Amino acid sequence: ATLSFIQDPEEPKLMFTGTEFGLWVSIDAGETWAQWTNGYGSIPTQDMVIQEREADLVIGTFGRSFYILDDIRPLREMAKGGVTDKKVHAFALQGTWAATIGESVGYRYGKVGDALYEGENRPYGALITYFLQEGDEDAKSLDDRVKIEIVDKAGNVVRTLYRTPKAGVNRFAWRLERDGVRNPVRVKPKKATAPGGGFQVVPGAYTVRVSYGGESDETSINIMADPRLNVNVGDMAKKDAIMKSYMALQQKVTDAADDIREAKASVKLVNELAEGSDNGSKEEILKRGKEMTKALDQLYYKMTSKPVQGIFRDPKIITNIMYGVAARLQSVQVPVSANQQTALDQFKAVVDDFEKEVNALLTGDFAKYRAYIRGTGLSLMEE
């Protein structure tokens, strides 16, 4: 039985019908209907209203509370026609607030279990919606997946995201972050992986490019600054520059950590070959390998803590300093403070010293070790 009905005030071909057994949608003025099952069950749908400012469909059910279908603008586009004729279509996006969200007084966010009831809210960030004519839900490699690029006004790709190709309408929330830098303690991946998230992008105009199967489509989005913070464009540009400087320093630490790990892997390989060989220099090879591993470990554990039982954070460890600076930098919408600049300057001095130490070891004692191994005829080490 039909319990409720509403026609979209902006696109009359878009209609919603609530029945005893769920919500049904038509984009062709009622000629055909499809049940809406994404996050919504086969439940009595008693009443509906469209919140016009946000373009949300608000649904009242019998016995199952309220549901909100966020931003029905993509459905309006589909009702106008032409969307399904394209292999890839990026729907128009509404402006998104880069809101700063804090914890409510009296409880810690995410630490209260079921003590505080909360309904599911709209995800933070920009809801990016796109359509694919065809999909491949078994796609594994990045080249076979949907690529979403966020491009700033200067044409720089600030964020790259990948999604499983699913035929039909797809939606996900971009949390307004830029591409981040791989953590120094994480081993360099052997194959291409999606970049992790970093600091929040500067509010402003961006292009969203969706690509799949050799086809792409673009749309635009405006990220709006939190009006409660009262920060100007100049201050945000200065903060963005500081954050980029931090990321460059983190990349230096990551590169140095990769060099140390690669050197250790080479020493380990030589030792394994020596153990199984009848090389006359076997004992000396193993001795020098042990000494070189110790020297490399001494540097490596300046970068990260040695594994210990329990929680231990040495304030002199480089990654611990790095995490502290990142926490101090906060949001791009908070102007640079003297404390933040001082923390970054101190981190730079630590990174510069570490980089010099690593380079000195690799071009000095490690280079001599490598030359010695080559002389024994046991080398499989890359130049």
Protein backbone atom coordinates (compact mmCIF):
# COMPACT_ATOMS: atom_id res chain seq x y z
CA ALA A 1 0.00 0.00 0.00
CA THR A 2 1.15 3.54 -0.75
CA LEU A 3 1.58 5.57 2.43
CA SER A 4 3.23 8.75 1.17
CA PHE A 5 4.26 10.54 -2.00
CA ILE A 6 6.33 13.61 -2.90
CA GLN A 7 7.35 15.20 -6.17
CA ASP A 8 10.60 17.14 -6.36
CA PRO A 9 9.86 20.89 -6.60
CA GLU A 10 12.84 21.53 -8.91
CA GLU A 11 12.72 18.49 -11.20
CA PRO A 12 9.13 17.28 -11.63
CA LYS A 13 10.19 13.98 -13.20
CA LEU A 14 11.81 13.01 -9.89
CA MET A 15 9.29 11.34 -7.57
CA PHE A 16 9.39 9.43 -4.29
CA THR A 17 6.76 7.02 -3.03
CA GLY A 18 6.66 5.57 0.46
CA THR A 19 5.01 2.19 0.84
CA GLU A 20 4.35 -0.40 3.51
CA PHE A 21 7.53 -2.13 2.38
CA GLY A 22 10.02 0.65 1.70
CA LEU A 23 10.92 3.66 -0.42
CA TRP A 24 10.56 3.76 -4.22
CA VAL A 25 12.09 6.29 -6.62
CA SER A 26 11.22 7.31 -10.17
CA ILE A 27 13.31 9.56 -12.44
CA ASP A 28 10.91 9.40 -15.41
CA ALA A 29 7.73 10.94 -14.00
CA GLY A 30 6.43 7.64 -12.66
CA GLU A 31 6.84 5.52 -15.79
CA THR A 32 9.20 3.17 -13.92
CA TRP A 33 10.02 2.76 -10.25
CA ALA A 34 13.03 1.30 -8.38
CA GLN A 35 13.21 0.46 -4.69
CA TRP A 36 15.77 2.47 -2.73
CA THR A 37 17.79 -0.04 -0.72
CA ASN A 38 21.01 1.83 0.00
CA GLY A 39 20.98 2.09 3.78
CA TYR A 40 17.21 1.86 3.90
CA GLY A 41 15.12 -1.21 4.66
CA SER A 42 11.74 -2.52 3.56
CA ILE A 43 9.94 -0.55 6.26
CA PRO A 44 6.69 1.46 6.41
CA THR A 45 7.52 4.89 4.96
CA GLN A 46 4.86 7.14 6.45
CA ASP A 47 5.84 10.66 5.39
CA MET A 48 8.47 12.59 3.44
CA VAL A 49 9.60 16.18 2.98
CA ILE A 50 12.42 17.77 0.95
CA GLN A 51 14.65 20.15 2.87
CA GLU A 52 15.14 22.63 0.04
CA ARG A 53 18.30 24.43 1.18
CA GLU A 54 20.33 21.23 1.55
CA ALA A 55 18.31 19.23 -1.01
CA ASP A 56 17.88 16.42 1.52
CA LEU A 57 14.95 13.99 1.53
CA VAL A 58 13.74 13.60 5.11
CA ILE A 59 11.74 10.42 5.77
CA GLY A 60 9.49 9.56 8.69
CA THR A 61 8.92 5.82 9.21
CA PHE A 62 6.58 3.80 11.37
CA GLY A 63 8.57 2.48 14.31
CA ARG A 64 12.03 3.02 12.77
CA SER A 65 12.52 6.75 13.45
CA PHE A 66 13.74 9.26 10.88
CA TYR A 67 16.03 8.77 7.88
CA ILE A 68 17.72 11.46 5.82
CA LEU A 69 18.77 10.86 2.23
CA ASP A 70 21.56 13.44 1.87
CA ASP A 71 21.65 15.67 -1.21
CA ILE A 72 19.29 14.41 -3.90
CA ARG A 73 20.78 16.72 -6.57
CA PRO A 74 22.37 13.76 -8.42
CA LEU A 75 18.90 12.21 -8.77
CA ARG A 76 17.69 15.50 -10.23
CA GLU A 77 20.49 15.37 -12.80
CA MET A 78 19.55 11.81 -13.71
CA ALA A 79 15.90 12.79 -14.14
CA LYS A 80 16.90 15.54 -16.59
CA GLY A 81 18.48 12.85 -18.77
CA GLY A 82 21.81 12.21 -20.45
CA VAL A 83 23.70 10.90 -17.43
CA THR A 84 23.39 7.21 -18.23
CA ASP A 85 24.54 7.80 -21.82
CA LYS A 86 28.05 8.56 -20.53
CA LYS A 87 30.60 5.96 -19.43
CA VAL A 88 31.70 8.23 -16.57
CA HIS A 89 29.76 11.14 -15.14
CA ALA A 90 30.71 13.39 -12.21
CA PHE A 91 27.66 14.97 -10.63
CA ALA A 92 27.58 18.64 -9.67
CA LEU A 93 28.67 19.24 -6.07
CA GLN A 94 27.38 21.68 -3.52
CA GLY A 95 29.71 23.86 -1.47
CA THR A 96 31.14 22.24 1.63
CA TRP A 97 32.08 23.81 4.95
CA ALA A 98 35.52 22.97 6.29
CA ALA A 99 34.06 22.92 9.78
CA THR A 100 36.21 22.57 12.86
CA ILE A 101 34.56 20.01 15.12
CA GLY A 102 35.44 19.64 18.79
CA GLU A 103 34.33 17.35 21.58
CA SER A 104 31.24 18.19 23.59
CA VAL A 105 31.80 19.12 27.20
CA GLY A 106 31.67 16.15 29.55
CA TYR A 107 32.71 13.25 27.32
CA ARG A 108 35.49 12.09 25.04
CA TYR A 109 34.51 11.53 21.41
CA GLY A 110 34.57 7.84 20.53
CA LYS A 111 35.29 6.80 24.13
CA VAL A 112 31.81 6.43 25.57
CA GLY A 113 30.57 3.22 23.92
CA ASP A 114 26.80 3.00 24.21
CA ALA A 115 26.61 5.42 27.12
CA LEU A 116 25.59 8.24 24.77
CA TYR A 117 23.12 7.53 21.99
CA GLU A 118 23.93 9.12 18.65
CA GLY A 119 22.21 8.58 15.33
CA GLU A 120 24.32 8.28 12.20
CA ASN A 121 25.17 11.77 10.94
CA ARG A 122 26.11 12.91 7.47
CA PRO A 123 29.81 12.10 6.90
CA TYR A 124 32.28 14.93 7.37
CA GLY A 125 33.56 16.60 4.22
CA ALA A 126 32.41 16.69 0.61
CA LEU A 127 30.02 14.07 -0.72
CA ILE A 128 31.44 13.16 -4.14
CA THR A 129 28.94 11.39 -6.38
CA TYR A 130 29.62 9.85 -9.78
CA PHE A 131 28.07 7.43 -12.27
CA LEU A 132 29.69 4.49 -14.10
CA GLN A 133 28.06 2.68 -17.01
CA GLU A 134 30.09 -0.44 -16.23
CA GLY A 135 32.11 -1.66 -13.28
CA ASP A 136 34.47 -4.37 -12.10
CA GLU A 137 34.12 -5.05 -8.40
CA ASP A 138 37.01 -7.54 -8.56
CA ALA A 139 39.50 -4.87 -9.68
CA LYS A 140 42.68 -5.03 -7.59
CA SER A 141 45.37 -2.80 -9.12
CA LEU A 142 45.12 0.97 -8.96
CA ASP A 143 45.15 1.17 -12.77
CA ASP A 144 41.91 -0.83 -12.86
CA ARG A 145 40.11 1.20 -10.22
CA VAL A 146 38.25 4.50 -10.32
CA LYS A 147 40.64 7.40 -9.78
CA ILE A 148 39.37 10.62 -8.23
CA GLU A 149 41.70 13.61 -8.34
CA ILE A 150 41.20 16.87 -6.47
CA VAL A 151 42.86 19.71 -8.39
CA ASP A 152 43.49 23.22 -7.07
CA LYS A 153 43.20 26.49 -9.04
CA ALA A 154 46.87 26.29 -10.08
CA GLY A 155 46.30 22.87 -11.67
CA ASN A 156 48.09 20.92 -8.94
CA VAL A 157 46.63 17.57 -7.92
CA VAL A 158 46.37 17.87 -4.14
CA ARG A 159 44.55 14.60 -3.45
CA THR A 160 44.26 11.30 -5.30
CA LEU A 161 41.71 8.72 -4.21
CA TYR A 162 40.80 5.30 -5.59
CA ARG A 163 37.50 3.48 -5.45
CA THR A 164 36.24 0.04 -6.47
CA PRO A 165 34.47 0.34 -9.86
CA LYS A 166 30.77 -0.33 -9.30
CA ALA A 167 28.24 0.15 -12.08
CA GLY A 168 25.61 2.78 -11.31
CA VAL A 169 25.64 5.75 -8.93
CA ASN A 170 28.49 5.83 -6.42
CA ARG A 171 29.06 8.19 -3.50
CA PHE A 172 31.74 8.65 -0.88
CA ALA A 173 32.94 11.39 1.47
CA TRP A 174 36.24 13.18 0.83
CA ARG A 175 37.36 14.49 4.21
CA LEU A 176 38.98 17.58 2.65
CA GLU A 177 42.51 16.33 3.26
CA ARG A 178 45.44 16.58 0.85
CA ASP A 179 47.77 13.69 -0.01
CA GLY A 180 49.99 12.88 2.93
CA VAL A 181 53.54 11.55 3.22
CA ARG A 182 54.22 7.90 4.04
CA ASN A 183 55.16 7.43 7.69
CA PRO A 184 58.92 6.74 8.05
CA VAL A 185 58.26 3.55 10.02
CA ARG A 186 56.25 2.05 7.15
CA VAL A 187 58.22 0.00 4.66
CA LYS A 188 58.24 1.23 1.07
CA PRO A 189 55.56 -0.73 -0.81
CA LYS A 190 56.71 -3.00 -3.63
CA LYS A 191 53.86 -1.89 -5.88
CA ALA A 192 51.89 1.32 -6.28
CA THR A 193 49.50 2.07 -3.43
CA ALA A 194 46.99 4.83 -2.83
CA PRO A 195 48.47 7.78 -0.91
CA GLY A 196 47.29 8.32 2.63
CA GLY A 197 45.66 11.50 3.81
CA GLY A 198 47.50 14.51 5.20
CA PHE A 199 46.61 18.00 6.35
CA GLN A 200 43.37 19.70 5.34
CA VAL A 201 43.40 21.65 2.08
CA VAL A 202 43.07 25.42 2.04
CA PRO A 203 39.43 26.50 1.59
CA GLY A 204 38.74 27.62 -1.96
CA ALA A 205 37.69 26.40 -5.40
CA TYR A 206 38.73 22.93 -6.58
CA THR A 207 38.09 20.66 -9.55
CA VAL A 208 37.08 17.04 -8.99
CA ARG A 209 38.16 14.74 -11.82
CA VAL A 210 36.76 11.19 -11.99
CA SER A 211 38.55 8.74 -14.33
CA TYR A 212 37.87 5.13 -15.22
CA GLY A 213 38.50 2.89 -18.20
CA GLY A 214 40.13 5.63 -20.26
CA GLU A 215 37.20 8.04 -19.76
CA SER A 216 36.95 10.98 -17.35
CA ASP A 217 34.59 13.72 -16.29
CA GLU A 218 35.04 16.81 -14.13
CA THR A 219 32.98 18.91 -11.78
CA SER A 220 33.81 21.75 -9.40
CA ILE A 221 33.48 22.24 -5.68
CA ASN A 222 33.90 25.18 -3.35
CA ILE A 223 35.38 24.48 0.09
CA MET A 224 34.25 27.20 2.47
CA ALA A 225 36.20 28.27 5.56
CA ASP A 226 34.63 27.87 8.99
CA PRO A 227 33.11 31.35 9.59
CA ARG A 228 33.53 30.98 13.33
CA LEU A 229 37.33 31.05 13.06
CA ASN A 230 37.51 34.45 11.34
CA VAL A 231 40.77 33.70 9.51
CA ASN A 232 41.80 35.52 6.34
CA VAL A 233 43.20 34.17 3.08
CA GLY A 234 46.70 35.51 3.77
CA ASP A 235 46.94 33.74 7.12
CA MET A 236 45.74 30.47 5.57
CA ALA A 237 48.36 30.75 2.80
CA LYS A 238 51.11 31.21 5.41
CA LYS A 239 49.83 28.22 7.40
CA ASP A 240 49.64 26.11 4.25
CA ALA A 241 53.28 26.96 3.46
CA ILE A 242 54.31 25.90 6.98
CA MET A 243 52.44 22.61 6.60
CA LYS A 244 54.12 21.93 3.26
CA SER A 245 57.50 22.57 4.89
CA TYR A 246 56.62 20.02 7.55
CA MET A 247 55.62 17.47 4.91
CA ALA A 248 58.93 18.01 3.07
CA LEU A 249 60.80 17.31 6.31
CA GLN A 250 58.73 14.18 6.92
CA GLN A 251 59.59 13.02 3.38
CA LYS A 252 63.29 13.46 4.15
CA VAL A 253 62.96 11.26 7.23
CA THR A 254 61.03 8.66 5.22
CA ASP A 255 63.66 8.64 2.45
CA ALA A 256 66.46 8.23 4.99
CA ALA A 257 64.59 5.40 6.72
CA ASP A 258 64.12 3.67 3.34
CA ASP A 259 67.87 3.96 2.66
CA ILE A 260 68.68 2.39 6.03
CA ARG A 261 66.22 -0.47 5.51
CA GLU A 262 67.57 -1.16 2.01
CA ALA A 263 71.14 -1.21 3.33
CA LYS A 264 70.15 -3.62 6.11
CA ALA A 265 68.39 -5.87 3.60
CA SER A 266 71.57 -5.97 1.49
CA VAL A 267 73.70 -6.91 4.50
CA LYS A 268 71.21 -9.62 5.47
CA LEU A 269 71.32 -11.09 1.96
CA VAL A 270 75.12 -11.15 1.96
CA ASN A 271 75.17 -12.87 5.35
CA GLU A 272 72.71 -15.52 4.14
CA LEU A 273 74.84 -16.19 1.06
CA ALA A 274 77.99 -16.35 3.15
CA GLU A 275 76.43 -18.82 5.60
CA GLY A 276 75.70 -21.26 2.79
CA SER A 277 78.98 -20.83 0.93
CA ASP A 278 82.53 -22.17 1.22
CA ASN A 279 84.03 -18.73 0.65
CA GLY A 280 87.39 -18.44 2.35
CA SER A 281 86.44 -15.03 3.78
CA LYS A 282 83.22 -16.31 5.31
CA GLU A 283 84.05 -15.49 8.93
CA GLU A 284 85.24 -12.00 8.09
CA ILE A 285 82.17 -11.38 5.93
CA LEU A 286 79.84 -12.34 8.78
CA LYS A 287 81.83 -10.26 11.27
CA ARG A 288 81.70 -7.16 9.09
CA GLY A 289 78.02 -7.78 8.38
CA LYS A 290 77.27 -7.87 12.09
CA GLU A 291 79.16 -4.63 12.67
CA MET A 292 77.43 -2.92 9.75
CA THR A 293 73.97 -4.05 10.92
CA LYS A 294 74.72 -2.65 14.37
CA ALA A 295 75.75 0.71 12.89
CA LEU A 296 72.63 0.86 10.74
CA ASP A 297 70.40 -0.08 13.68
CA GLN A 298 71.90 2.68 15.80
CA LEU A 299 70.77 5.21 13.23
CA TYR A 300 67.43 3.53 12.59
CA TYR A 301 66.50 3.63 16.26
CA LYS A 302 67.18 7.33 16.38
CA MET A 303 64.30 7.57 13.94
CA THR A 304 61.88 5.20 15.72
CA SER A 305 61.70 3.54 19.12
CA LYS A 306 62.96 0.03 19.71
CA PRO A 307 60.12 -2.46 20.27
CA VAL A 308 59.33 -2.65 23.99
CA GLN A 309 56.51 -4.05 26.06
CA GLY A 310 53.97 -1.46 27.14
CA ILE A 311 53.83 2.23 26.20
CA PHE A 312 57.07 4.17 26.00
CA ARG A 313 57.64 7.43 24.14
CA ASP A 314 61.17 8.77 24.09
CA PRO A 315 60.94 12.53 23.36
CA LYS A 316 64.31 12.40 21.55
CA ILE A 317 63.10 9.91 18.93
CA ILE A 318 62.62 11.68 15.59
CA THR A 319 59.18 10.27 14.80
CA ASN A 320 57.93 11.25 18.26
CA ILE A 321 59.16 14.80 17.61
CA MET A 322 57.48 14.64 14.20
CA TYR A 323 54.13 13.58 15.67
CA GLY A 324 54.30 16.39 18.21
CA VAL A 325 54.89 19.03 15.54
CA ALA A 326 51.99 17.71 13.45
CA ALA A 327 49.68 17.93 16.47
CA ARG A 328 50.77 21.53 17.14
CA LEU A 329 50.13 22.64 13.57
CA GLN A 330 46.40 21.88 13.95
CA SER A 331 44.22 23.26 11.15
CA VAL A 332 45.14 25.31 8.09
CA GLN A 333 42.45 27.71 9.31
CA VAL A 334 44.34 28.48 12.53
CA PRO A 335 47.02 31.18 11.95
CA VAL A 336 50.69 30.33 12.46
CA SER A 337 51.83 30.91 16.03
CA ALA A 338 55.33 31.55 17.35
CA ASN A 339 55.25 28.18 19.13
CA GLN A 340 54.37 26.38 15.91
CA GLN A 341 57.21 28.07 14.01
CA THR A 342 59.67 27.27 16.79
CA ALA A 343 58.59 23.62 16.87
CA LEU A 344 59.03 23.36 13.09
CA ASP A 345 62.47 25.00 13.21
CA GLN A 346 63.58 22.58 15.92
CA PHE A 347 62.27 19.63 13.91
CA LYS A 348 64.16 20.86 10.83
CA ALA A 349 67.42 20.97 12.79
CA VAL A 350 66.87 17.39 14.00
CA VAL A 351 66.04 16.17 10.48
CA ASP A 352 69.06 17.91 8.94
CA ASP A 353 71.39 16.29 11.47
CA PHE A 354 69.81 12.86 10.91
CA GLU A 355 70.07 13.18 7.14
CA LYS A 356 73.75 14.08 7.42
CA GLU A 357 74.41 11.08 9.69
CA VAL A 358 72.68 8.67 7.32
CA ASN A 359 74.49 10.02 4.28
CA ALA A 360 77.82 9.89 6.10
CA LEU A 361 77.33 6.23 7.00
CA LEU A 362 76.12 5.19 3.55
CA THR A 363 78.90 7.01 1.67
CA GLY A 364 81.51 6.09 4.23
CA ASP A 365 81.56 2.82 6.17
CA PHE A 366 78.76 1.21 4.17
CA ALA A 367 80.48 2.05 0.88
CA LYS A 368 83.70 0.48 2.22
CA TYR A 369 81.76 -2.60 3.33
CA ARG A 370 80.19 -2.91 -0.09
CA ALA A 371 83.57 -2.60 -1.80
CA TYR A 372 84.97 -5.31 0.46
CA ILE A 373 82.06 -7.68 -0.34
CA ARG A 374 82.56 -7.11 -4.06
CA GLY A 375 86.18 -8.13 -3.62
CA THR A 376 85.14 -11.45 -2.11
CA GLY A 377 83.10 -12.35 -5.20
CA LEU A 378 79.93 -12.66 -3.07
CA SER A 379 78.23 -9.40 -4.06
CA LEU A 380 74.63 -9.20 -5.13
CA MET A 381 74.38 -5.63 -3.90
CA GLU A 382 73.05 -2.92 -6.17
CA GLU A 383 75.37 -0.08 -7.01
